[in-house]
Amino acid sequence: MIYRTPFANQATVKGSLLSMLLLLGSSQALAEEITGQVVEVLDGDTLSVVTSDDWQIHVRLANIDAPNPDQPYSDKARQTLSALALGKRATLQVQARDLTGRSVAQMFIEGKDINREMVRRGAAWVAHDEATPLAELLPVEAEARRERRGLWGQPRKDIVAPWIWSNSKQQTLHTVVSSCAGRSGTPDCPVRRLNWVQQDEQRH
């Protein structure tokens, strides 16, 4: 199940669509292996790849979780992945598709496991939103933490796993909205009603 943007001719499209239909027809399908060139790195665990049959796909690296865009170290994680992958030929072992349509995959470049390397360099955590974290990656993460590589070298307050960061942000927003109930637009409350317009704005 691969999210693709067509760059191909009709013959290529027909063959690729047939492959997709065969894959979608079996819920027990094995991981699909595809090759292509990394053309863009969006963040520390998401890339864009143009495949060998001229389709563009968005790829989420499986089993790891890099800092969110608004987190400390997010830019450096993206830079680390760019150094490892951007402009290079990659082999993807696609395992699934996430809710946003990205292909969830293990990525290999010149024989190197890029997912593992991101964890080894301290640019990503082992993902804990999975039913069971990938056991073989846990010692790699532990070593990076022990050696204070990458994000593990930050001040302690900045070392927050992405799933915890996201939950805390949602909780903060909920708290602000609740505390401002009935008081939107007052000086001590930054939240405004959707139809709230300043008096100066009303006069223009």
N, C-alpha and C. Protein backbone atom coordinates (compact mmCIF):
# COMPACT_ATOMS: atom_id res chain seq x y z
N MET A 1 0.86 -1.19 0.00
CA MET A 1 0.00 0.00 0.00
C MET A 1 0.89 1.23 0.00
N ILE A 2 1.02 1.85 -1.16
CA ILE A 2 1.97 2.94 -1.30
C ILE A 2 1.25 4.19 -1.80
N TYR A 3 1.47 5.30 -1.11
CA TYR A 3 0.94 6.58 -1.55
C TYR A 3 1.85 7.12 -2.64
N ARG A 4 1.30 7.32 -3.84
CA ARG A 4 2.14 7.69 -4.97
C ARG A 4 1.57 8.87 -5.73
N THR A 5 2.46 9.67 -6.28
CA THR A 5 2.09 10.75 -7.18
C THR A 5 2.65 10.41 -8.54
N PRO A 6 1.82 10.35 -9.60
CA PRO A 6 2.31 9.84 -10.89
C PRO A 6 3.22 10.81 -11.62
N PHE A 7 4.40 10.29 -12.03
CA PHE A 7 5.29 10.99 -12.92
C PHE A 7 5.50 10.17 -14.19
N ALA A 8 4.75 9.06 -14.34
CA ALA A 8 5.11 8.04 -15.31
C ALA A 8 4.26 8.09 -16.57
N ASN A 9 4.70 7.32 -17.60
CA ASN A 9 3.90 7.19 -18.81
C ASN A 9 2.81 6.16 -18.57
N GLN A 10 1.90 5.98 -19.56
CA GLN A 10 0.74 5.14 -19.36
C GLN A 10 1.12 3.69 -19.13
N ALA A 11 2.12 3.18 -19.86
CA ALA A 11 2.52 1.79 -19.70
C ALA A 11 3.01 1.53 -18.28
N THR A 12 3.82 2.48 -17.77
CA THR A 12 4.33 2.32 -16.41
C THR A 12 3.19 2.39 -15.40
N VAL A 13 2.24 3.32 -15.63
CA VAL A 13 1.11 3.47 -14.73
C VAL A 13 0.30 2.19 -14.65
N LYS A 14 0.03 1.55 -15.82
CA LYS A 14 -0.75 0.32 -15.83
C LYS A 14 -0.08 -0.77 -15.01
N GLY A 15 1.22 -0.92 -15.20
CA GLY A 15 1.94 -1.94 -14.45
C GLY A 15 1.95 -1.66 -12.97
N SER A 16 2.13 -0.38 -12.60
CA SER A 16 2.19 -0.02 -11.19
C SER A 16 0.82 -0.17 -10.54
N LEU A 17 -0.24 0.23 -11.26
CA LEU A 17 -1.58 0.09 -10.71
C LEU A 17 -1.93 -1.37 -10.49
N LEU A 18 -1.51 -2.24 -11.41
CA LEU A 18 -1.75 -3.66 -11.23
C LEU A 18 -1.06 -4.17 -9.98
N SER A 19 0.19 -3.70 -9.77
CA SER A 19 0.93 -4.11 -8.57
C SER A 19 0.22 -3.65 -7.31
N MET A 20 -0.31 -2.42 -7.35
CA MET A 20 -1.01 -1.88 -6.19
C MET A 20 -2.28 -2.68 -5.90
N LEU A 21 -3.03 -3.03 -6.95
CA LEU A 21 -4.26 -3.77 -6.77
C LEU A 21 -3.99 -5.15 -6.17
N LEU A 22 -2.94 -5.79 -6.66
CA LEU A 22 -2.58 -7.10 -6.12
C LEU A 22 -2.21 -6.99 -4.64
N LEU A 23 -1.50 -5.91 -4.30
CA LEU A 23 -1.10 -5.72 -2.92
C LEU A 23 -2.29 -5.44 -2.03
N LEU A 24 -3.20 -4.56 -2.52
CA LEU A 24 -4.37 -4.21 -1.74
C LEU A 24 -5.32 -5.39 -1.59
N GLY A 25 -5.28 -6.33 -2.53
CA GLY A 25 -6.19 -7.45 -2.50
C GLY A 25 -5.90 -8.46 -1.41
N SER A 26 -4.77 -8.36 -0.78
CA SER A 26 -4.42 -9.31 0.27
C SER A 26 -3.98 -8.58 1.52
N SER A 27 -4.74 -8.75 2.59
CA SER A 27 -4.38 -8.09 3.85
C SER A 27 -3.15 -8.72 4.48
N GLN A 28 -2.77 -9.88 3.98
CA GLN A 28 -1.62 -10.57 4.52
C GLN A 28 -0.39 -10.42 3.63
N ALA A 29 -0.43 -9.42 2.72
CA ALA A 29 0.66 -9.26 1.76
C ALA A 29 1.98 -9.01 2.48
N LEU A 30 3.05 -9.57 1.93
CA LEU A 30 4.37 -9.35 2.49
C LEU A 30 4.83 -7.92 2.19
N ALA A 31 5.83 -7.45 2.93
CA ALA A 31 6.37 -6.12 2.70
C ALA A 31 6.86 -6.01 1.26
N GLU A 32 6.52 -4.91 0.60
CA GLU A 32 6.94 -4.69 -0.78
C GLU A 32 8.30 -3.99 -0.78
N GLU A 33 9.19 -4.43 -1.62
CA GLU A 33 10.50 -3.79 -1.74
C GLU A 33 10.54 -2.98 -3.01
N ILE A 34 10.88 -1.71 -2.88
CA ILE A 34 10.99 -0.82 -4.02
C ILE A 34 12.28 -0.02 -3.91
N THR A 35 12.72 0.51 -5.02
CA THR A 35 13.94 1.33 -5.04
C THR A 35 13.62 2.69 -5.64
N GLY A 36 14.42 3.68 -5.29
CA GLY A 36 14.22 5.01 -5.82
C GLY A 36 15.25 5.97 -5.28
N GLN A 37 15.09 7.24 -5.64
CA GLN A 37 16.02 8.28 -5.19
C GLN A 37 15.32 9.22 -4.24
N VAL A 38 15.98 9.52 -3.14
CA VAL A 38 15.44 10.46 -2.16
C VAL A 38 15.58 11.88 -2.72
N VAL A 39 14.46 12.56 -2.90
CA VAL A 39 14.47 13.90 -3.51
C VAL A 39 14.17 15.01 -2.51
N GLU A 40 13.65 14.64 -1.33
CA GLU A 40 13.34 15.67 -0.33
C GLU A 40 13.29 15.03 1.05
N VAL A 41 13.79 15.76 2.04
CA VAL A 41 13.68 15.33 3.43
C VAL A 41 12.80 16.35 4.15
N LEU A 42 11.66 15.90 4.63
CA LEU A 42 10.68 16.81 5.22
C LEU A 42 10.93 17.05 6.71
N ASP A 43 11.35 15.99 7.41
CA ASP A 43 11.73 16.12 8.81
C ASP A 43 12.62 14.93 9.15
N GLY A 44 12.81 14.66 10.44
CA GLY A 44 13.76 13.64 10.83
C GLY A 44 13.32 12.21 10.59
N ASP A 45 12.08 12.00 10.16
CA ASP A 45 11.66 10.63 9.86
C ASP A 45 10.72 10.55 8.65
N THR A 46 10.66 11.60 7.86
CA THR A 46 9.78 11.61 6.69
C THR A 46 10.52 12.13 5.47
N LEU A 47 10.40 11.40 4.36
CA LEU A 47 11.10 11.76 3.13
C LEU A 47 10.17 11.64 1.93
N SER A 48 10.65 12.17 0.81
CA SER A 48 9.97 12.00 -0.46
C SER A 48 10.93 11.28 -1.40
N VAL A 49 10.42 10.22 -2.04
CA VAL A 49 11.25 9.37 -2.90
C VAL A 49 10.60 9.24 -4.27
N VAL A 50 11.40 9.39 -5.33
CA VAL A 50 10.94 9.08 -6.67
C VAL A 50 11.43 7.67 -7.00
N THR A 51 10.48 6.76 -7.24
CA THR A 51 10.82 5.36 -7.42
C THR A 51 11.40 5.12 -8.81
N SER A 52 11.92 3.92 -9.00
CA SER A 52 12.55 3.56 -10.27
C SER A 52 11.55 3.51 -11.41
N ASP A 53 10.24 3.41 -11.10
CA ASP A 53 9.22 3.45 -12.15
C ASP A 53 8.52 4.81 -12.20
N ASP A 54 9.23 5.85 -11.70
CA ASP A 54 8.81 7.25 -11.85
C ASP A 54 7.53 7.62 -11.11
N TRP A 55 7.35 7.07 -9.93
CA TRP A 55 6.30 7.52 -9.03
C TRP A 55 6.97 8.22 -7.85
N GLN A 56 6.29 9.24 -7.34
CA GLN A 56 6.79 9.91 -6.14
C GLN A 56 5.97 9.46 -4.94
N ILE A 57 6.64 9.05 -3.89
CA ILE A 57 5.96 8.60 -2.68
C ILE A 57 6.51 9.33 -1.46
N HIS A 58 5.65 9.49 -0.47
CA HIS A 58 6.08 10.02 0.83
C HIS A 58 6.32 8.84 1.75
N VAL A 59 7.44 8.85 2.42
CA VAL A 59 7.87 7.71 3.23
C VAL A 59 8.06 8.13 4.68
N ARG A 60 7.47 7.36 5.58
CA ARG A 60 7.68 7.53 7.03
C ARG A 60 8.57 6.38 7.47
N LEU A 61 9.73 6.70 8.04
CA LEU A 61 10.64 5.65 8.47
C LEU A 61 10.02 4.84 9.62
N ALA A 62 10.00 3.53 9.44
CA ALA A 62 9.33 2.65 10.40
C ALA A 62 10.13 2.51 11.69
N ASN A 63 9.40 2.36 12.79
CA ASN A 63 9.96 1.98 14.10
C ASN A 63 10.80 3.06 14.77
N ILE A 64 10.85 4.27 14.20
CA ILE A 64 11.58 5.35 14.86
C ILE A 64 10.69 6.59 14.92
N ASP A 65 11.06 7.53 15.77
CA ASP A 65 10.28 8.75 15.95
C ASP A 65 11.25 9.91 16.20
N ALA A 66 11.37 10.79 15.23
CA ALA A 66 12.26 11.95 15.36
C ALA A 66 11.49 13.10 16.02
N PRO A 67 12.20 14.11 16.52
CA PRO A 67 11.52 15.25 17.15
C PRO A 67 10.52 15.91 16.20
N ASN A 68 9.39 16.35 16.75
CA ASN A 68 8.40 17.08 15.97
C ASN A 68 8.98 18.42 15.51
N PRO A 69 8.41 19.00 14.45
CA PRO A 69 8.95 20.26 13.91
C PRO A 69 9.07 21.39 14.92
N ASP A 70 8.21 21.40 15.94
CA ASP A 70 8.27 22.49 16.93
C ASP A 70 9.08 22.11 18.17
N GLN A 71 9.77 20.97 18.12
CA GLN A 71 10.58 20.52 19.25
C GLN A 71 12.04 20.92 19.12
N PRO A 72 12.75 21.02 20.26
CA PRO A 72 14.20 21.17 20.19
C PRO A 72 14.81 19.99 19.43
N TYR A 73 15.84 20.29 18.68
CA TYR A 73 16.62 19.32 17.90
C TYR A 73 15.94 18.86 16.61
N SER A 74 14.75 19.37 16.30
CA SER A 74 14.06 18.91 15.08
C SER A 74 14.85 19.27 13.82
N ASP A 75 15.41 20.48 13.77
CA ASP A 75 16.18 20.88 12.59
C ASP A 75 17.42 20.01 12.41
N LYS A 76 18.10 19.71 13.52
CA LYS A 76 19.31 18.90 13.43
C LYS A 76 18.98 17.46 13.02
N ALA A 77 17.83 16.96 13.48
CA ALA A 77 17.42 15.61 13.07
C ALA A 77 17.17 15.58 11.56
N ARG A 78 16.52 16.61 11.04
CA ARG A 78 16.27 16.69 9.60
C ARG A 78 17.59 16.78 8.84
N GLN A 79 18.53 17.57 9.36
CA GLN A 79 19.83 17.70 8.73
C GLN A 79 20.59 16.37 8.73
N THR A 80 20.47 15.62 9.82
CA THR A 80 21.12 14.32 9.90
C THR A 80 20.57 13.37 8.85
N LEU A 81 19.24 13.33 8.71
CA LEU A 81 18.63 12.46 7.71
C LEU A 81 18.99 12.92 6.30
N SER A 82 19.07 14.23 6.10
CA SER A 82 19.46 14.75 4.78
C SER A 82 20.87 14.29 4.42
N ALA A 83 21.78 14.36 5.39
CA ALA A 83 23.17 13.94 5.13
C ALA A 83 23.25 12.46 4.79
N LEU A 84 22.37 11.67 5.40
CA LEU A 84 22.39 10.22 5.16
C LEU A 84 21.71 9.82 3.85
N ALA A 85 20.68 10.59 3.45
CA ALA A 85 19.80 10.08 2.40
C ALA A 85 19.56 10.97 1.20
N LEU A 86 19.60 12.29 1.36
CA LEU A 86 19.16 13.18 0.28
C LEU A 86 20.00 13.01 -0.97
N GLY A 87 19.31 12.81 -2.10
CA GLY A 87 19.98 12.66 -3.38
C GLY A 87 20.53 11.28 -3.65
N LYS A 88 20.31 10.34 -2.73
CA LYS A 88 20.89 9.01 -2.86
C LYS A 88 19.84 7.97 -3.26
N ARG A 89 20.33 6.87 -3.85
CA ARG A 89 19.47 5.75 -4.20
C ARG A 89 19.17 4.95 -2.93
N ALA A 90 17.92 4.58 -2.77
CA ALA A 90 17.49 3.89 -1.56
C ALA A 90 16.66 2.66 -1.91
N THR A 91 16.73 1.69 -1.03
CA THR A 91 15.85 0.52 -1.11
C THR A 91 14.89 0.59 0.06
N LEU A 92 13.60 0.49 -0.23
CA LEU A 92 12.57 0.59 0.80
C LEU A 92 11.88 -0.75 0.97
N GLN A 93 11.73 -1.17 2.20
CA GLN A 93 10.91 -2.32 2.53
C GLN A 93 9.63 -1.79 3.18
N VAL A 94 8.60 -1.64 2.34
CA VAL A 94 7.36 -1.01 2.78
C VAL A 94 6.54 -1.99 3.60
N GLN A 95 6.18 -1.56 4.81
CA GLN A 95 5.46 -2.43 5.74
C GLN A 95 3.98 -2.13 5.83
N ALA A 96 3.60 -0.87 5.62
CA ALA A 96 2.21 -0.46 5.80
C ALA A 96 2.04 0.94 5.24
N ARG A 97 0.85 1.47 5.41
CA ARG A 97 0.57 2.87 5.08
C ARG A 97 -0.11 3.50 6.27
N ASP A 98 0.32 4.72 6.66
CA ASP A 98 -0.28 5.35 7.84
C ASP A 98 -1.52 6.13 7.45
N LEU A 99 -2.14 6.78 8.43
CA LEU A 99 -3.42 7.46 8.21
C LEU A 99 -3.31 8.65 7.28
N THR A 100 -2.11 9.19 7.10
CA THR A 100 -1.92 10.33 6.20
C THR A 100 -1.53 9.89 4.80
N GLY A 101 -1.46 8.59 4.57
CA GLY A 101 -1.13 8.07 3.25
C GLY A 101 0.34 7.83 3.01
N ARG A 102 1.18 8.05 4.01
CA ARG A 102 2.61 7.82 3.83
C ARG A 102 2.93 6.33 3.89
N SER A 103 3.89 5.91 3.09
CA SER A 103 4.37 4.53 3.15
C SER A 103 5.31 4.39 4.34
N VAL A 104 5.02 3.45 5.21
CA VAL A 104 5.85 3.21 6.39
C VAL A 104 6.86 2.14 6.01
N ALA A 105 8.15 2.48 6.08
CA ALA A 105 9.15 1.59 5.48
C ALA A 105 10.47 1.59 6.24
N GLN A 106 11.18 0.49 6.06
CA GLN A 106 12.58 0.39 6.44
C GLN A 106 13.40 0.84 5.23
N MET A 107 14.38 1.70 5.45
CA MET A 107 15.16 2.25 4.34
C MET A 107 16.63 1.83 4.42
N PHE A 108 17.16 1.40 3.30
CA PHE A 108 18.57 1.01 3.21
C PHE A 108 19.24 1.79 2.09
N ILE A 109 20.41 2.35 2.38
CA ILE A 109 21.21 3.06 1.39
C ILE A 109 22.63 2.51 1.45
N GLU A 110 23.08 1.98 0.33
CA GLU A 110 24.41 1.35 0.24
C GLU A 110 24.59 0.32 1.36
N GLY A 111 23.53 -0.45 1.62
CA GLY A 111 23.58 -1.51 2.62
C GLY A 111 23.39 -1.05 4.05
N LYS A 112 23.30 0.25 4.28
CA LYS A 112 23.15 0.77 5.65
C LYS A 112 21.68 0.94 6.00
N ASP A 113 21.29 0.46 7.18
CA ASP A 113 19.94 0.61 7.69
C ASP A 113 19.78 2.05 8.21
N ILE A 114 19.07 2.88 7.46
CA ILE A 114 18.96 4.30 7.80
C ILE A 114 18.12 4.51 9.05
N ASN A 115 17.08 3.72 9.24
CA ASN A 115 16.26 3.84 10.44
C ASN A 115 17.13 3.62 11.69
N ARG A 116 17.90 2.56 11.66
CA ARG A 116 18.79 2.24 12.78
C ARG A 116 19.84 3.32 12.97
N GLU A 117 20.37 3.83 11.87
CA GLU A 117 21.43 4.83 11.95
C GLU A 117 20.93 6.13 12.58
N MET A 118 19.68 6.48 12.31
CA MET A 118 19.12 7.69 12.93
C MET A 118 19.05 7.53 14.45
N VAL A 119 18.69 6.36 14.90
CA VAL A 119 18.67 6.10 16.35
C VAL A 119 20.09 6.07 16.90
N ARG A 120 21.01 5.44 16.18
CA ARG A 120 22.40 5.31 16.64
C ARG A 120 23.06 6.68 16.81
N ARG A 121 22.71 7.61 15.90
CA ARG A 121 23.30 8.95 15.97
C ARG A 121 22.60 9.87 16.96
N GLY A 122 21.57 9.37 17.60
CA GLY A 122 20.84 10.20 18.55
C GLY A 122 19.95 11.23 17.88
N ALA A 123 19.48 10.92 16.68
CA ALA A 123 18.61 11.85 15.94
C ALA A 123 17.15 11.42 16.00
N ALA A 124 16.87 10.29 16.65
CA ALA A 124 15.49 9.79 16.76
C ALA A 124 15.40 8.81 17.92
N TRP A 125 14.18 8.68 18.43
CA TRP A 125 13.87 7.67 19.43
C TRP A 125 13.40 6.39 18.74
N VAL A 126 13.43 5.30 19.46
CA VAL A 126 12.69 4.11 19.03
C VAL A 126 11.21 4.41 19.24
N ALA A 127 10.39 4.18 18.23
CA ALA A 127 8.97 4.53 18.31
C ALA A 127 8.27 3.70 19.37
N HIS A 128 7.49 4.36 20.20
CA HIS A 128 6.74 3.66 21.24
C HIS A 128 5.24 3.73 20.99
N ASP A 129 4.84 4.20 19.79
CA ASP A 129 3.42 4.19 19.45
C ASP A 129 3.05 2.87 18.79
N GLU A 130 4.04 1.99 18.63
CA GLU A 130 3.79 0.66 18.09
C GLU A 130 3.33 -0.24 19.23
N ALA A 131 2.69 -1.37 18.87
CA ALA A 131 2.26 -2.32 19.89
C ALA A 131 3.46 -2.78 20.73
N THR A 132 4.58 -3.07 20.05
CA THR A 132 5.81 -3.46 20.73
C THR A 132 6.99 -2.77 20.04
N PRO A 133 7.77 -1.96 20.75
CA PRO A 133 8.94 -1.34 20.12
C PRO A 133 9.87 -2.40 19.54
N LEU A 134 10.54 -2.08 18.44
CA LEU A 134 11.43 -3.04 17.80
C LEU A 134 12.59 -3.35 18.76
N ALA A 135 12.64 -4.57 19.24
CA ALA A 135 13.58 -4.94 20.31
C ALA A 135 15.03 -4.68 19.93
N GLU A 136 15.38 -4.92 18.67
CA GLU A 136 16.78 -4.78 18.28
C GLU A 136 17.25 -3.34 18.27
N LEU A 137 16.31 -2.38 18.27
CA LEU A 137 16.70 -0.98 18.28
C LEU A 137 16.88 -0.43 19.70
N LEU A 138 16.32 -1.08 20.68
CA LEU A 138 16.40 -0.56 22.05
C LEU A 138 17.84 -0.47 22.57
N PRO A 139 18.69 -1.47 22.35
CA PRO A 139 20.10 -1.33 22.78
C PRO A 139 20.83 -0.22 22.03
N VAL A 140 20.44 0.02 20.77
CA VAL A 140 21.06 1.09 19.98
C VAL A 140 20.70 2.44 20.59
N GLU A 141 19.43 2.61 20.97
CA GLU A 141 19.01 3.84 21.63
C GLU A 141 19.69 4.02 22.97
N ALA A 142 19.81 2.92 23.73
CA ALA A 142 20.45 2.99 25.05
C ALA A 142 21.91 3.43 24.92
N GLU A 143 22.60 2.94 23.91
CA GLU A 143 23.99 3.33 23.71
C GLU A 143 24.10 4.80 23.34
N ALA A 144 23.21 5.28 22.45
CA ALA A 144 23.23 6.70 22.07
C ALA A 144 22.97 7.58 23.28
N ARG A 145 22.04 7.15 24.13
CA ARG A 145 21.73 7.92 25.34
C ARG A 145 22.92 7.91 26.30
N ARG A 146 23.55 6.77 26.44
CA ARG A 146 24.71 6.65 27.35
C ARG A 146 25.88 7.51 26.86
N GLU A 147 26.08 7.56 25.54
CA GLU A 147 27.17 8.34 24.96
C GLU A 147 26.79 9.80 24.74
N ARG A 148 25.54 10.15 25.06
CA ARG A 148 25.02 11.52 24.90
C ARG A 148 25.19 12.02 23.46
N ARG A 149 24.86 11.17 22.53
CA ARG A 149 24.93 11.56 21.13
C ARG A 149 23.67 12.33 20.73
N GLY A 150 23.84 13.26 19.81
CA GLY A 150 22.69 13.96 19.25
C GLY A 150 21.79 14.60 20.27
N LEU A 151 20.50 14.30 20.18
CA LEU A 151 19.52 14.91 21.07
C LEU A 151 19.76 14.57 22.54
N TRP A 152 20.47 13.47 22.79
CA TRP A 152 20.73 13.07 24.18
C TRP A 152 21.76 13.98 24.86
N GLY A 153 22.43 14.83 24.07
CA GLY A 153 23.38 15.77 24.63
C GLY A 153 22.75 17.10 25.00
N GLN A 154 21.45 17.24 24.78
CA GLN A 154 20.75 18.47 25.12
C GLN A 154 20.53 18.60 26.63
N PRO A 155 20.16 19.80 27.08
CA PRO A 155 19.73 19.92 28.48
C PRO A 155 18.57 18.97 28.76
N ARG A 156 18.51 18.47 29.94
CA ARG A 156 17.52 17.44 30.29
C ARG A 156 16.09 17.87 29.98
N LYS A 157 15.80 19.17 30.19
CA LYS A 157 14.43 19.66 29.98
C LYS A 157 14.01 19.59 28.51
N ASP A 158 15.00 19.55 27.61
CA ASP A 158 14.68 19.51 26.18
C ASP A 158 14.58 18.10 25.62
N ILE A 159 14.93 17.10 26.42
CA ILE A 159 14.87 15.71 25.95
C ILE A 159 13.48 15.15 26.27
N VAL A 160 12.57 15.39 25.35
CA VAL A 160 11.18 14.97 25.53
C VAL A 160 10.77 14.16 24.30
N ALA A 161 10.35 12.93 24.51
CA ALA A 161 9.94 12.08 23.40
C ALA A 161 8.77 12.72 22.64
N PRO A 162 8.71 12.56 21.33
CA PRO A 162 7.67 13.23 20.53
C PRO A 162 6.26 12.90 20.96
N TRP A 163 5.98 11.65 21.37
CA TRP A 163 4.62 11.30 21.77
C TRP A 163 4.24 11.98 23.08
N ILE A 164 5.21 12.24 23.95
CA ILE A 164 4.95 12.97 25.19
C ILE A 164 4.79 14.46 24.88
N TRP A 165 5.64 14.97 23.99
CA TRP A 165 5.56 16.38 23.58
C TRP A 165 4.19 16.70 22.99
N SER A 166 3.71 15.85 22.10
CA SER A 166 2.40 16.07 21.46
C SER A 166 1.28 16.08 22.49
N ASN A 167 1.32 15.12 23.42
CA ASN A 167 0.28 15.06 24.45
C ASN A 167 0.29 16.28 25.34
N SER A 168 1.50 16.76 25.68
CA SER A 168 1.59 17.94 26.55
C SER A 168 1.07 19.18 25.85
N LYS A 169 1.32 19.29 24.54
CA LYS A 169 0.81 20.43 23.77
C LYS A 169 -0.71 20.43 23.73
N GLN A 170 -1.29 19.23 23.51
CA GLN A 170 -2.74 19.13 23.47
C GLN A 170 -3.34 19.47 24.82
N GLN A 171 -2.69 19.03 25.91
CA GLN A 171 -3.18 19.31 27.25
C GLN A 171 -3.11 20.80 27.55
N THR A 172 -2.02 21.45 27.11
CA THR A 172 -1.87 22.90 27.31
C THR A 172 -2.98 23.67 26.61
N LEU A 173 -3.27 23.29 25.35
CA LEU A 173 -4.33 23.96 24.59
C LEU A 173 -5.68 23.77 25.28
N HIS A 174 -5.95 22.55 25.76
CA HIS A 174 -7.21 22.28 26.45
C HIS A 174 -7.34 23.13 27.71
N THR A 175 -6.24 23.29 28.45
CA THR A 175 -6.24 24.07 29.68
C THR A 175 -6.52 25.54 29.39
N VAL A 176 -5.88 26.09 28.35
CA VAL A 176 -6.07 27.49 28.00
C VAL A 176 -7.51 27.75 27.58
N VAL A 177 -8.05 26.89 26.74
CA VAL A 177 -9.42 27.06 26.27
C VAL A 177 -10.40 26.98 27.43
N SER A 178 -10.18 26.03 28.35
CA SER A 178 -11.07 25.87 29.49
C SER A 178 -11.02 27.08 30.41
N SER A 179 -9.81 27.60 30.65
CA SER A 179 -9.66 28.73 31.57
C SER A 179 -10.23 30.01 31.00
N CYS A 180 -10.38 30.06 29.68
CA CYS A 180 -10.88 31.27 29.02
C CYS A 180 -12.37 31.19 28.70
N ALA A 181 -13.01 30.13 29.12
CA ALA A 181 -14.42 29.97 28.79
C ALA A 181 -15.23 31.16 29.28
N GLY A 182 -15.96 31.79 28.36
CA GLY A 182 -16.78 32.95 28.70
C GLY A 182 -16.03 34.24 28.79
N ARG A 183 -14.70 34.23 28.59
CA ARG A 183 -13.91 35.45 28.74
C ARG A 183 -13.05 35.71 27.51
N SER A 184 -13.45 35.23 26.35
CA SER A 184 -12.64 35.38 25.15
C SER A 184 -12.39 36.85 24.83
N GLY A 185 -11.15 37.17 24.55
CA GLY A 185 -10.80 38.52 24.14
C GLY A 185 -10.48 39.45 25.28
N THR A 186 -10.59 38.99 26.51
CA THR A 186 -10.22 39.83 27.64
C THR A 186 -8.70 39.92 27.72
N PRO A 187 -8.16 40.96 28.38
CA PRO A 187 -6.70 41.15 28.38
C PRO A 187 -5.91 39.96 28.90
N ASP A 188 -6.47 39.22 29.87
CA ASP A 188 -5.72 38.10 30.45
C ASP A 188 -6.01 36.77 29.75
N CYS A 189 -6.73 36.83 28.63
CA CYS A 189 -7.08 35.59 27.93
C CYS A 189 -6.81 35.74 26.44
N PRO A 190 -5.83 34.99 25.91
CA PRO A 190 -5.45 35.15 24.51
C PRO A 190 -6.40 34.51 23.51
N VAL A 191 -7.36 33.72 23.99
CA VAL A 191 -8.25 33.02 23.07
C VAL A 191 -9.45 33.88 22.74
N ARG A 192 -9.77 34.03 21.46
CA ARG A 192 -10.90 34.84 21.03
C ARG A 192 -11.97 33.97 20.39
N ARG A 193 -13.22 34.40 20.50
CA ARG A 193 -14.27 33.73 19.76
C ARG A 193 -14.02 33.89 18.27
N LEU A 194 -14.52 32.96 17.48
CA LEU A 194 -14.28 33.01 16.04
C LEU A 194 -14.85 34.26 15.41
N ASN A 195 -15.96 34.79 15.99
CA ASN A 195 -16.59 35.98 15.41
C ASN A 195 -16.18 37.26 16.14
N TRP A 196 -15.12 37.18 16.95
CA TRP A 196 -14.67 38.34 17.71
C TRP A 196 -13.88 39.26 16.80
N VAL A 197 -14.26 40.55 16.73
CA VAL A 197 -13.58 41.53 15.88
C VAL A 197 -13.28 42.76 16.72
N GLN A 198 -12.05 43.25 16.62
CA GLN A 198 -11.69 44.46 17.35
C GLN A 198 -12.53 45.63 16.86
N GLN A 199 -12.77 46.59 17.77
CA GLN A 199 -13.59 47.74 17.39
C GLN A 199 -12.95 48.51 16.24
N ASP A 200 -11.61 48.63 16.26
CA ASP A 200 -10.93 49.33 15.17
C ASP A 200 -11.16 48.63 13.84
N GLU A 201 -11.19 47.28 13.88
CA GLU A 201 -11.41 46.50 12.66
C GLU A 201 -12.83 46.70 12.15
N GLN A 202 -13.81 46.84 13.09
CA GLN A 202 -15.20 47.00 12.69
C GLN A 202 -15.42 48.31 11.95
N ARG A 203 -14.61 49.33 12.31
CA ARG A 203 -14.83 50.66 11.70
C ARG A 203 -14.27 50.74 10.29
N HIS A 204 -13.39 49.76 9.88
CA HIS A 204 -12.77 49.81 8.56
C HIS A 204 -13.52 48.95 7.58
